[in-house]
Amino acid sequence: MKEVRVRYAPSPTGHLHIGGARTALFNYLFAKHYNGKFIFRLEDTDLERNIPGGEASQLDNLEWLGIIPDESPLNPGPYGPYRQTERLDLYKEYANKLLDLGLAYECYCTPEELEEDRKKQEAEGNFSYRYDRKCLNISEEQKAVYIAEGRKPAIRFKVDETKDYEWNDIVRGHISVPGKDISDWVILKSNGIPTYNFAVVIDDALMKMTHVFRGEEHISNTPKQLMIYEALGLEAPQFGHMTLIVNEERKKLSKRDESIMQFISQYKDEGYLPEAMFNFFALLGWSPDSEDEIFSEEELIKIFDETRLSKSPSMFDKKKLHWIDNQYIQNEDLIKITEMCKPYLEKELPISSKDEEWLTKIIALFKPQLNYCSEIVELVAPFFAQYHLSNEDKDFINELEGKDLLEAISDNFNNLEVFDMENIKKCIKDTGKALNRKGKNLFMPIRLAVSNERHGGDLPTVLELYGKDQVITNIKKTIELL
């Protein structure tokens, strides 16, 4: 079997997006499953839209996810260069071959003339613009006139309108498109820059790509690419067009959709675990042959089966992502999660007065609840909030006849020499026995008096983290209000 070679080929016009990350991941899993190579190539010919740092951002975020290319501009292999702007001579060479074969021709039409022709066709009711082959058989004399006017030709591919262009799509099955539905198209612009559908064929062929997995929006590009493979006598790769990603309203995911964070860097900044993101993206348009949903990278590589790629749109389910990330956080080492949470706490809360032991204990308390690490701020914030007991909570404590309990527990806490979880737990239990209280009638007044919250983590642990002085101070403030 020929070595499997697949690629992810973004443009450096933006940062790594959800859709791009999933495309890269499926190509990576496919390559690794078959002991092949995953290649990163840059389609950087749109010079006006390229952004500074675009290439580095793509590679850095892929690496964060755990998707490491075998070949890239930073780690070149035998088929470079890996940036299209460094391959312009190759595109010109192959465009000239097509000219020599009579399968392409020079087109001297200006953008203004083409736009005028488009408007004319629309006025006649034809909204699918077709080039009228004006330049297909122009005379040498007319060429000379155009050149004298300073016109530089583009190169157009001459479409065989009698052919059907078809392929067996790995995801979609058999697809066929009539050549008559496609008009002659530009392969090389007048400035020497190749169009996408031409450059991608030259790159994929020379870099020995065996399979191409990409989004379904590329289905309409495939016939044009097959034309070039056939015209140059090159072997086409196998194509697989993956389903759209939709939001929770089942609408196509758009970069303007503010209901979902769009870029991988945003998830990194919020403290998601990369292993969880890797796991989540693997299930976004692919399903394993089991009910399991938590997999390591090694497990996903082993079980990946391209025939199980979905034909239906894939919903970006935030609840599922949070569940998966929570599973990874729960199973991760406490020290690592503490280190990940610490910067968020340092930025938002005055934790400099607390020692490392306190920090580790409070992360341990809330670790089971975390969906991503920046959530820790909201959970820890009550420990630094100013005391404020609402009238509703004051009435609730009175309904529970909590004043006597609070007075007793305050005295008992004050007598504790070591204010730790075990002693606090015993103190609450003994006080409850003495006053014949248990359950909500015992725990709720204490929790509300100290934290002004009705819900929270294990009460003895919470009280230990508040500290003896703060606990007694808050209980006394509550007693004064009752």
Protein backbone atom coordinates (compact mmCIF):
# COMPACT_ATOMS: atom_id res chain seq x y z
CA MET A 1 0.00 0.00 0.00
CA LYS A 2 1.23 3.46 -0.93
CA GLU A 3 2.20 5.65 2.04
CA VAL A 4 -0.78 7.72 3.16
CA ARG A 5 -0.13 11.44 2.86
CA VAL A 6 -2.72 14.07 3.81
CA ARG A 7 -2.57 17.79 4.43
CA TYR A 8 -4.09 20.77 6.16
CA ALA A 9 -3.55 23.88 4.04
CA PRO A 10 -4.90 27.08 5.59
CA SER A 11 -4.48 30.66 4.46
CA PRO A 12 -2.68 32.96 6.94
CA THR A 13 -5.62 35.38 6.71
CA GLY A 14 -6.83 34.57 10.22
CA HIS A 15 -6.27 32.48 13.31
CA LEU A 16 -7.08 28.78 13.71
CA HIS A 17 -10.87 28.47 13.55
CA ILE A 18 -13.16 25.68 14.81
CA GLY A 19 -13.74 24.40 11.28
CA GLY A 20 -10.06 24.44 10.38
CA ALA A 21 -9.14 22.67 13.61
CA ARG A 22 -11.61 19.87 12.90
CA THR A 23 -10.35 19.49 9.32
CA ALA A 24 -6.77 19.30 10.57
CA LEU A 25 -7.74 16.79 13.26
CA PHE A 26 -9.53 14.36 10.94
CA ASN A 27 -6.62 14.47 8.48
CA TYR A 28 -4.20 13.90 11.35
CA LEU A 29 -6.17 10.93 12.76
CA PHE A 30 -6.47 9.37 9.31
CA ALA A 31 -2.75 9.73 8.64
CA LYS A 32 -1.71 8.33 12.01
CA HIS A 33 -4.20 5.45 11.83
CA TYR A 34 -2.54 4.29 8.61
CA ASN A 35 1.02 5.15 9.76
CA GLY A 36 1.14 7.92 7.18
CA LYS A 37 2.22 11.56 7.11
CA PHE A 38 0.30 14.72 8.03
CA ILE A 39 1.51 17.80 6.16
CA PHE A 40 0.95 21.48 6.95
CA ARG A 41 1.05 23.68 3.84
CA LEU A 42 0.34 27.40 3.61
CA GLU A 43 -1.88 28.93 0.91
CA ASP A 44 -0.52 32.45 1.29
CA THR A 45 -1.06 33.98 -2.15
CA ASP A 46 -3.84 36.34 -1.00
CA LEU A 47 -1.26 38.92 0.04
CA GLU A 48 -3.74 41.68 0.83
CA ARG A 49 -5.67 39.57 3.35
CA ASN A 50 -2.73 37.82 5.03
CA ILE A 51 -2.30 38.93 8.64
CA PRO A 52 0.98 39.29 10.56
CA GLY A 53 1.61 36.17 12.61
CA GLY A 54 -1.10 34.20 10.79
CA GLU A 55 1.17 31.25 10.00
CA ALA A 56 2.64 31.11 13.51
CA SER A 57 -0.82 31.32 15.06
CA GLN A 58 -2.06 28.37 12.99
CA LEU A 59 0.94 26.21 13.89
CA ASP A 60 1.02 27.22 17.57
CA ASN A 61 -2.66 26.43 18.09
CA LEU A 62 -2.39 23.11 16.23
CA GLU A 63 0.53 22.19 18.48
CA TRP A 64 -1.50 23.18 21.57
CA LEU A 65 -4.23 20.78 20.44
CA GLY A 66 -1.64 18.03 19.99
CA ILE A 67 -1.75 18.04 16.17
CA ILE A 68 1.91 18.06 15.13
CA PRO A 69 2.68 18.12 11.38
CA ASP A 70 5.25 15.69 10.03
CA GLU A 71 6.20 18.28 7.39
CA SER A 72 5.69 22.05 7.42
CA PRO A 73 7.50 25.29 6.56
CA LEU A 74 9.27 24.93 9.93
CA ASN A 75 10.01 21.22 9.45
CA PRO A 76 10.38 20.74 5.70
CA GLY A 77 10.39 17.34 4.05
CA PRO A 78 11.36 16.29 0.51
CA TYR A 79 8.49 18.00 -1.31
CA GLY A 80 8.84 21.67 -0.37
CA PRO A 81 8.61 24.59 -0.38
CA TYR A 82 5.53 24.57 1.85
CA ARG A 83 4.34 28.13 1.17
CA GLN A 84 2.59 28.86 -2.11
CA THR A 85 4.35 32.21 -2.54
CA GLU A 86 7.60 30.22 -2.75
CA ARG A 87 6.18 27.95 -5.49
CA LEU A 88 5.06 30.53 -8.09
CA ASP A 89 7.53 29.30 -10.75
CA LEU A 90 6.01 25.82 -10.49
CA TYR A 91 2.49 27.09 -11.17
CA LYS A 92 3.72 29.07 -14.17
CA GLU A 93 5.54 26.01 -15.52
CA TYR A 94 2.43 23.82 -15.37
CA ALA A 95 0.17 26.55 -16.75
CA ASN A 96 2.51 26.81 -19.74
CA LYS A 97 2.31 23.03 -20.20
CA LEU A 98 -1.45 23.34 -20.50
CA LEU A 99 -1.01 26.13 -23.03
CA ASP A 100 1.37 23.94 -25.06
CA LEU A 101 -1.12 21.06 -24.94
CA GLY A 102 -3.89 23.33 -26.24
CA LEU A 103 -5.89 22.74 -23.06
CA ALA A 104 -5.63 26.35 -21.87
CA TYR A 105 -5.46 29.74 -23.53
CA GLU A 106 -4.51 33.33 -22.83
CA CYS A 107 -7.33 35.68 -21.92
CA TYR A 108 -6.81 39.43 -22.35
CA CYS A 109 -10.23 40.52 -21.09
CA THR A 110 -10.14 43.28 -18.50
CA PRO A 111 -12.10 43.10 -15.21
CA GLU A 112 -14.32 45.89 -16.53
CA GLU A 113 -15.15 43.96 -19.72
CA LEU A 114 -15.90 40.81 -17.74
CA GLU A 115 -18.16 42.72 -15.36
CA GLU A 116 -20.02 44.31 -18.28
CA ASP A 117 -20.50 40.87 -19.81
CA ARG A 118 -21.77 39.51 -16.47
CA LYS A 119 -24.36 42.30 -16.21
CA LYS A 120 -25.47 41.66 -19.80
CA GLN A 121 -26.02 37.96 -19.04
CA GLU A 122 -27.96 38.80 -15.88
CA ALA A 123 -30.15 41.22 -17.84
CA GLU A 124 -30.94 38.29 -20.15
CA GLY A 125 -31.96 36.19 -17.13
CA ASN A 126 -28.77 34.15 -16.83
CA PHE A 127 -27.47 34.47 -13.26
CA SER A 128 -24.89 31.68 -13.57
CA TYR A 129 -22.17 33.60 -15.36
CA ARG A 130 -20.34 31.82 -18.17
CA TYR A 131 -17.27 33.18 -19.92
CA ASP A 132 -18.09 33.52 -23.61
CA ARG A 133 -14.68 32.28 -24.86
CA LYS A 134 -14.02 35.63 -26.50
CA CYS A 135 -10.26 35.06 -26.30
CA LEU A 136 -10.21 31.36 -27.24
CA ASN A 137 -9.42 31.91 -30.92
CA ILE A 138 -8.17 35.51 -31.08
CA SER A 139 -5.77 36.33 -33.88
CA GLU A 140 -2.12 37.20 -33.41
CA GLU A 141 -2.97 40.69 -34.69
CA GLN A 142 -5.57 41.20 -31.96
CA LYS A 143 -3.13 39.89 -29.37
CA ALA A 144 -0.60 42.46 -30.54
CA VAL A 145 -3.21 45.22 -30.10
CA TYR A 146 -3.98 44.08 -26.56
CA ILE A 147 -0.28 43.90 -25.68
CA ALA A 148 0.26 47.37 -27.10
CA GLU A 149 -2.53 48.59 -24.82
CA GLY A 150 -0.52 47.22 -21.87
CA ARG A 151 -2.82 44.29 -21.17
CA LYS A 152 -1.30 41.25 -19.49
CA PRO A 153 -3.09 37.96 -20.10
CA ALA A 154 -4.57 35.60 -17.58
CA ILE A 155 -4.59 31.92 -18.49
CA ARG A 156 -7.93 30.10 -18.73
CA PHE A 157 -8.53 26.36 -18.74
CA LYS A 158 -10.58 25.12 -21.69
CA VAL A 159 -13.36 22.98 -20.21
CA ASP A 160 -14.43 19.85 -22.09
CA GLU A 161 -18.19 20.38 -22.07
CA THR A 162 -18.87 16.84 -23.27
CA LYS A 163 -17.39 15.19 -20.17
CA ASP A 164 -18.84 14.40 -16.77
CA TYR A 165 -16.44 14.83 -13.86
CA GLU A 166 -17.07 12.20 -11.22
CA TRP A 167 -15.50 10.64 -8.17
CA ASN A 168 -16.32 8.26 -5.33
CA ASP A 169 -16.33 10.49 -2.29
CA ILE A 170 -15.16 8.81 0.92
CA VAL A 171 -17.98 10.50 2.86
CA ARG A 172 -20.67 11.22 0.24
CA GLY A 173 -20.40 8.31 -2.16
CA HIS A 174 -20.57 8.77 -5.94
CA ILE A 175 -20.72 12.37 -7.18
CA SER A 176 -20.92 13.47 -10.82
CA VAL A 177 -20.91 16.99 -12.30
CA PRO A 178 -21.46 17.71 -16.02
CA GLY A 179 -18.65 19.68 -17.67
CA LYS A 180 -21.26 21.80 -19.48
CA ASP A 181 -22.18 23.33 -16.11
CA ILE A 182 -18.69 24.86 -15.75
CA SER A 183 -17.38 27.66 -17.94
CA ASP A 184 -13.72 28.17 -18.85
CA TRP A 185 -12.00 29.33 -15.67
CA VAL A 186 -8.82 31.20 -14.85
CA ILE A 187 -5.91 29.08 -13.62
CA LEU A 188 -3.27 31.83 -13.57
CA LYS A 189 -4.12 35.48 -13.03
CA SER A 190 -2.55 38.23 -15.09
CA ASN A 191 -0.22 39.05 -12.15
CA GLY A 192 1.19 35.50 -12.15
CA ILE A 193 -0.70 34.39 -9.03
CA PRO A 194 -2.48 31.02 -9.42
CA THR A 195 -6.12 30.55 -8.53
CA TYR A 196 -6.96 28.17 -5.69
CA ASN A 197 -8.28 25.34 -7.85
CA PHE A 198 -5.14 25.28 -9.97
CA ALA A 199 -2.50 25.73 -7.27
CA VAL A 200 -4.03 23.13 -4.97
CA VAL A 201 -3.77 20.46 -7.69
CA ILE A 202 -0.12 21.22 -8.45
CA ASP A 203 0.70 21.22 -4.73
CA ASP A 204 -1.21 18.04 -3.92
CA ALA A 205 0.23 16.17 -6.91
CA LEU A 206 3.86 17.20 -6.36
CA MET A 207 3.59 16.59 -2.61
CA LYS A 208 2.23 13.08 -3.27
CA MET A 209 -1.08 13.55 -1.43
CA THR A 210 -3.09 10.33 -1.43
CA HIS A 211 -6.27 11.58 0.28
CA VAL A 212 -7.93 14.98 0.74
CA PHE A 213 -10.39 15.46 3.60
CA ARG A 214 -12.04 18.89 3.63
CA GLY A 215 -15.33 20.68 4.21
CA GLU A 216 -18.36 20.09 1.98
CA GLU A 217 -18.11 23.65 0.66
CA HIS A 218 -15.25 22.32 -1.52
CA ILE A 219 -17.46 19.84 -3.41
CA SER A 220 -18.06 22.45 -6.11
CA ASN A 221 -14.29 22.91 -6.50
CA THR A 222 -13.56 19.23 -7.08
CA PRO A 223 -14.65 19.01 -10.76
CA LYS A 224 -12.28 21.84 -11.71
CA GLN A 225 -9.47 20.12 -9.87
CA LEU A 226 -10.19 16.80 -11.57
CA MET A 227 -9.92 18.60 -14.93
CA ILE A 228 -6.35 19.65 -14.10
CA TYR A 229 -5.34 16.19 -12.85
CA GLU A 230 -6.63 14.65 -16.07
CA ALA A 231 -5.16 17.29 -18.38
CA LEU A 232 -1.67 16.92 -16.88
CA GLY A 233 -1.87 13.14 -16.59
CA LEU A 234 -1.59 13.25 -12.81
CA GLU A 235 -3.16 10.79 -10.39
CA ALA A 236 -5.92 12.40 -8.34
CA PRO A 237 -6.15 11.72 -4.59
CA GLN A 238 -9.26 10.25 -2.99
CA PHE A 239 -11.60 13.01 -1.83
CA GLY A 240 -13.73 13.08 1.30
CA HIS A 241 -16.00 16.05 1.97
CA MET A 242 -16.98 16.47 5.61
CA THR A 243 -20.29 17.77 6.84
CA LEU A 244 -20.97 21.35 7.92
CA ILE A 245 -20.68 22.40 11.55
CA VAL A 246 -23.90 24.02 12.79
CA ASN A 247 -24.75 25.89 15.97
CA GLU A 248 -27.36 24.80 18.52
CA GLU A 249 -30.09 26.37 16.37
CA ARG A 250 -28.97 24.12 13.51
CA LYS A 251 -27.72 27.07 11.50
CA LYS A 252 -24.42 26.96 9.63
CA LEU A 253 -21.61 28.07 11.92
CA SER A 254 -20.53 31.56 10.94
CA LYS A 255 -17.53 33.55 12.14
CA ARG A 256 -20.06 36.25 13.03
CA ASP A 257 -21.96 33.85 15.32
CA GLU A 258 -21.40 35.28 18.79
CA SER A 259 -23.09 32.37 20.58
CA ILE A 260 -19.94 30.26 20.15
CA MET A 261 -16.28 31.09 20.61
CA GLN A 262 -14.89 30.76 17.09
CA PHE A 263 -11.13 30.44 17.51
CA ILE A 264 -8.96 27.84 19.24
CA SER A 265 -6.94 30.57 20.97
CA GLN A 266 -10.13 31.61 22.82
CA TYR A 267 -10.53 28.13 24.31
CA LYS A 268 -6.87 28.12 25.25
CA ASP A 269 -7.28 31.52 26.93
CA GLU A 270 -10.33 30.33 28.92
CA GLY A 271 -8.45 27.35 30.33
CA TYR A 272 -9.89 24.42 28.43
CA LEU A 273 -7.65 21.34 28.39
CA PRO A 274 -6.20 20.65 24.93
CA GLU A 275 -6.72 16.90 25.34
CA ALA A 276 -10.43 17.55 25.94
CA MET A 277 -10.68 19.78 22.87
CA PHE A 278 -8.94 17.07 20.79
CA ASN A 279 -11.49 14.51 22.08
CA PHE A 280 -14.45 16.86 21.45
CA PHE A 281 -13.44 17.73 17.87
CA ALA A 282 -12.95 14.06 17.05
CA LEU A 283 -16.67 13.51 17.83
CA LEU A 284 -17.76 16.52 15.77
CA GLY A 285 -18.83 14.74 12.60
CA TRP A 286 -17.41 11.29 13.37
CA SER A 287 -18.67 8.53 15.64
CA PRO A 288 -16.88 5.53 17.13
CA ASP A 289 -18.27 2.02 16.94
CA SER A 290 -19.29 2.16 20.63
CA GLU A 291 -21.21 4.29 23.11
CA ASP A 292 -18.00 5.63 24.69
CA GLU A 293 -17.19 9.32 24.35
CA ILE A 294 -13.95 9.80 26.28
CA PHE A 295 -10.86 8.72 24.36
CA SER A 296 -7.15 9.44 24.54
CA GLU A 297 -5.33 10.54 21.39
CA GLU A 298 -3.78 7.06 21.12
CA GLU A 299 -7.20 5.41 21.35
CA LEU A 300 -8.68 7.73 18.71
CA ILE A 301 -5.81 7.01 16.32
CA LYS A 302 -6.32 3.29 16.81
CA ILE A 303 -10.11 3.25 16.29
CA PHE A 304 -10.45 6.01 13.67
CA ASP A 305 -12.49 4.77 10.72
CA GLU A 306 -13.08 7.18 7.86
CA THR A 307 -16.24 5.30 6.83
CA ARG A 308 -17.87 6.52 10.06
CA LEU A 309 -17.60 10.21 9.10
CA SER A 310 -21.09 11.68 9.27
CA LYS A 311 -23.16 12.70 6.25
CA SER A 312 -25.37 14.92 8.44
CA PRO A 313 -24.50 18.37 9.84
CA SER A 314 -22.54 18.29 13.10
CA MET A 315 -23.85 20.39 15.97
CA PHE A 316 -21.33 22.28 18.07
CA ASP A 317 -22.81 21.30 21.44
CA LYS A 318 -21.33 23.52 24.17
CA LYS A 319 -22.85 21.39 26.94
CA LYS A 320 -21.12 18.33 25.56
CA LEU A 321 -17.82 20.21 25.31
CA HIS A 322 -18.18 21.32 28.94
CA TRP A 323 -18.97 17.76 30.03
CA ILE A 324 -15.92 16.38 28.20
CA ASP A 325 -13.62 19.08 29.58
CA ASN A 326 -15.00 18.47 33.09
CA GLN A 327 -14.20 14.77 32.74
CA TYR A 328 -10.60 15.60 31.82
CA ILE A 329 -10.26 18.12 34.66
CA GLN A 330 -11.56 15.60 37.20
CA ASN A 331 -9.04 13.01 36.02
CA GLU A 332 -6.13 15.45 35.83
CA ASP A 333 -3.51 15.89 38.54
CA LEU A 334 -4.55 18.48 41.17
CA ILE A 335 -1.19 20.25 40.95
CA LYS A 336 -1.57 20.78 37.20
CA ILE A 337 -5.14 22.09 37.54
CA THR A 338 -4.03 24.38 40.38
CA GLU A 339 -1.29 25.83 38.19
CA MET A 340 -3.77 26.33 35.34
CA CYS A 341 -6.33 28.05 37.62
CA LYS A 342 -3.86 30.24 39.48
CA PRO A 343 -3.35 32.94 36.78
CA TYR A 344 -7.11 33.55 36.54
CA LEU A 345 -7.37 33.96 40.32
CA GLU A 346 -4.32 36.21 40.48
CA LYS A 347 -5.78 38.46 37.80
CA GLU A 348 -9.26 38.82 39.31
CA LEU A 349 -8.99 38.25 43.08
CA PRO A 350 -6.62 39.37 45.90
CA ILE A 351 -5.20 35.91 46.57
CA SER A 352 -1.66 37.13 47.33
CA SER A 353 -2.54 36.99 51.04
CA LYS A 354 -3.23 33.25 50.75
CA ASP A 355 -0.58 30.53 50.86
CA GLU A 356 -0.12 27.62 48.44
CA GLU A 357 -1.82 25.18 50.80
CA TRP A 358 -4.98 27.32 50.85
CA LEU A 359 -4.89 27.63 47.07
CA THR A 360 -4.52 23.88 46.56
CA LYS A 361 -7.38 23.14 48.98
CA ILE A 362 -9.79 25.56 47.32
CA ILE A 363 -8.98 24.20 43.85
CA ALA A 364 -9.54 20.67 45.18
CA LEU A 365 -12.92 21.79 46.57
CA PHE A 366 -14.16 23.13 43.24
CA LYS A 367 -12.26 20.88 40.81
CA PRO A 368 -15.25 18.50 40.36
CA GLN A 369 -17.42 21.44 39.25
CA LEU A 370 -15.06 23.02 36.74
CA ASN A 371 -15.99 22.92 33.06
CA TYR A 372 -12.91 25.00 32.19
CA CYS A 373 -10.31 26.60 34.38
CA SER A 374 -11.32 30.28 34.19
CA GLU A 375 -14.62 29.30 35.85
CA ILE A 376 -12.66 29.05 39.09
CA VAL A 377 -12.89 32.84 39.56
CA GLU A 378 -16.68 32.80 39.87
CA LEU A 379 -16.53 29.87 42.31
CA VAL A 380 -13.84 31.38 44.53
CA ALA A 381 -15.14 34.99 44.41
CA PRO A 382 -17.53 34.57 47.41
CA PHE A 383 -14.50 33.97 49.68
CA PHE A 384 -13.39 37.53 48.92
CA ALA A 385 -16.81 39.19 48.69
CA GLN A 386 -17.99 41.73 51.22
CA TYR A 387 -20.51 40.40 53.73
CA HIS A 388 -24.05 40.99 52.50
CA LEU A 389 -26.99 38.95 53.84
CA SER A 390 -30.17 39.57 51.87
CA ASN A 391 -33.51 40.08 53.59
CA GLU A 392 -34.73 36.90 51.92
CA ASP A 393 -31.87 34.86 53.39
CA LYS A 394 -32.30 36.53 56.81
CA ASP A 395 -35.97 35.51 56.80
CA PHE A 396 -34.99 32.00 55.74
CA ILE A 397 -32.59 31.65 58.70
CA ASN A 398 -35.37 32.85 61.02
CA GLU A 399 -37.77 30.30 59.51
CA LEU A 400 -35.22 27.65 60.40
CA GLU A 401 -34.98 29.15 63.93
CA GLY A 402 -31.28 29.51 63.33
CA LYS A 403 -30.31 32.21 65.85
CA ASP A 404 -29.77 29.83 68.78
CA LEU A 405 -27.78 27.50 66.56
CA LEU A 406 -25.55 30.30 65.31
CA GLU A 407 -24.86 31.57 68.83
CA ALA A 408 -23.92 28.07 69.98
CA ILE A 409 -21.77 27.22 66.94
CA SER A 410 -19.96 30.56 67.18
CA ASP A 411 -18.90 29.81 70.77
CA ASN A 412 -17.93 26.23 69.88
CA PHE A 413 -15.89 27.34 66.85
CA ASN A 414 -14.14 29.93 69.01
CA ASN A 415 -13.03 27.16 71.38
CA LEU A 416 -11.41 25.11 68.63
CA GLU A 417 -7.61 25.21 68.87
CA VAL A 418 -7.12 23.73 65.40
CA PHE A 419 -9.65 25.06 62.88
CA ASP A 420 -9.46 22.39 60.20
CA MET A 421 -12.01 20.32 58.33
CA GLU A 422 -12.05 17.35 60.72
CA ASN A 423 -12.45 19.50 63.85
CA ILE A 424 -15.04 21.70 62.17
CA LYS A 425 -17.01 18.64 61.06
CA LYS A 426 -17.02 17.19 64.61
CA CYS A 427 -17.94 20.58 66.10
CA ILE A 428 -20.98 20.93 63.81
CA LYS A 429 -22.05 17.36 64.54
CA ASP A 430 -21.74 17.81 68.32
CA THR A 431 -23.60 21.13 68.22
CA GLY A 432 -26.37 19.54 66.18
CA LYS A 433 -26.74 16.73 68.69
CA ALA A 434 -26.84 19.15 71.61
CA LEU A 435 -29.59 21.23 69.96
CA ASN A 436 -31.38 18.27 68.36
CA ARG A 437 -30.79 19.60 64.83
CA LYS A 438 -29.75 17.88 61.63
CA GLY A 439 -29.90 18.22 57.86
CA LYS A 440 -31.03 21.53 56.44
CA ASN A 441 -31.90 22.91 59.88
CA LEU A 442 -28.30 22.37 60.95
CA PHE A 443 -26.22 23.14 57.87
CA MET A 444 -28.16 25.86 56.03
CA PRO A 445 -28.05 28.59 58.73
CA ILE A 446 -24.28 28.10 59.13
CA ARG A 447 -23.63 28.17 55.37
CA LEU A 448 -25.78 31.26 54.83
CA ALA A 449 -24.30 33.09 57.81
CA VAL A 450 -20.72 32.56 56.69
CA SER A 451 -20.86 32.62 52.87
CA ASN A 452 -24.23 34.32 52.20
CA GLU A 453 -24.75 31.45 49.73
CA ARG A 454 -27.36 28.67 49.88
CA HIS A 455 -25.24 26.20 47.93
CA GLY A 456 -21.57 25.38 47.78
CA GLY A 457 -18.91 22.77 48.40
CA ASP A 458 -18.46 20.53 51.43
CA LEU A 459 -19.36 22.80 54.38
CA PRO A 460 -16.47 21.91 56.76
CA THR A 461 -13.99 22.45 53.91
CA VAL A 462 -15.61 25.77 52.96
CA LEU A 463 -15.41 26.98 56.58
CA GLU A 464 -11.76 25.95 56.88
CA LEU A 465 -10.98 27.97 53.74
CA TYR A 466 -12.76 31.05 55.11
CA GLY A 467 -10.62 30.75 58.25
CA LYS A 468 -11.63 30.85 61.90
CA ASP A 469 -11.63 34.64 62.33
CA GLN A 470 -13.73 35.31 59.21
CA VAL A 471 -16.19 32.53 60.05
CA ILE A 472 -16.83 33.85 63.56
CA THR A 473 -17.00 37.46 62.34
CA ASN A 474 -19.60 36.62 59.69
CA ILE A 475 -21.69 34.52 62.08
CA LYS A 476 -21.76 37.37 64.63
CA LYS A 477 -22.78 39.87 61.92
CA THR A 478 -25.63 37.54 60.99
CA ILE A 479 -26.77 37.17 64.62
CA GLU A 480 -26.97 40.97 64.90
CA LEU A 481 -29.35 41.06 61.91
CA LEU A 482 -31.72 38.38 63.22
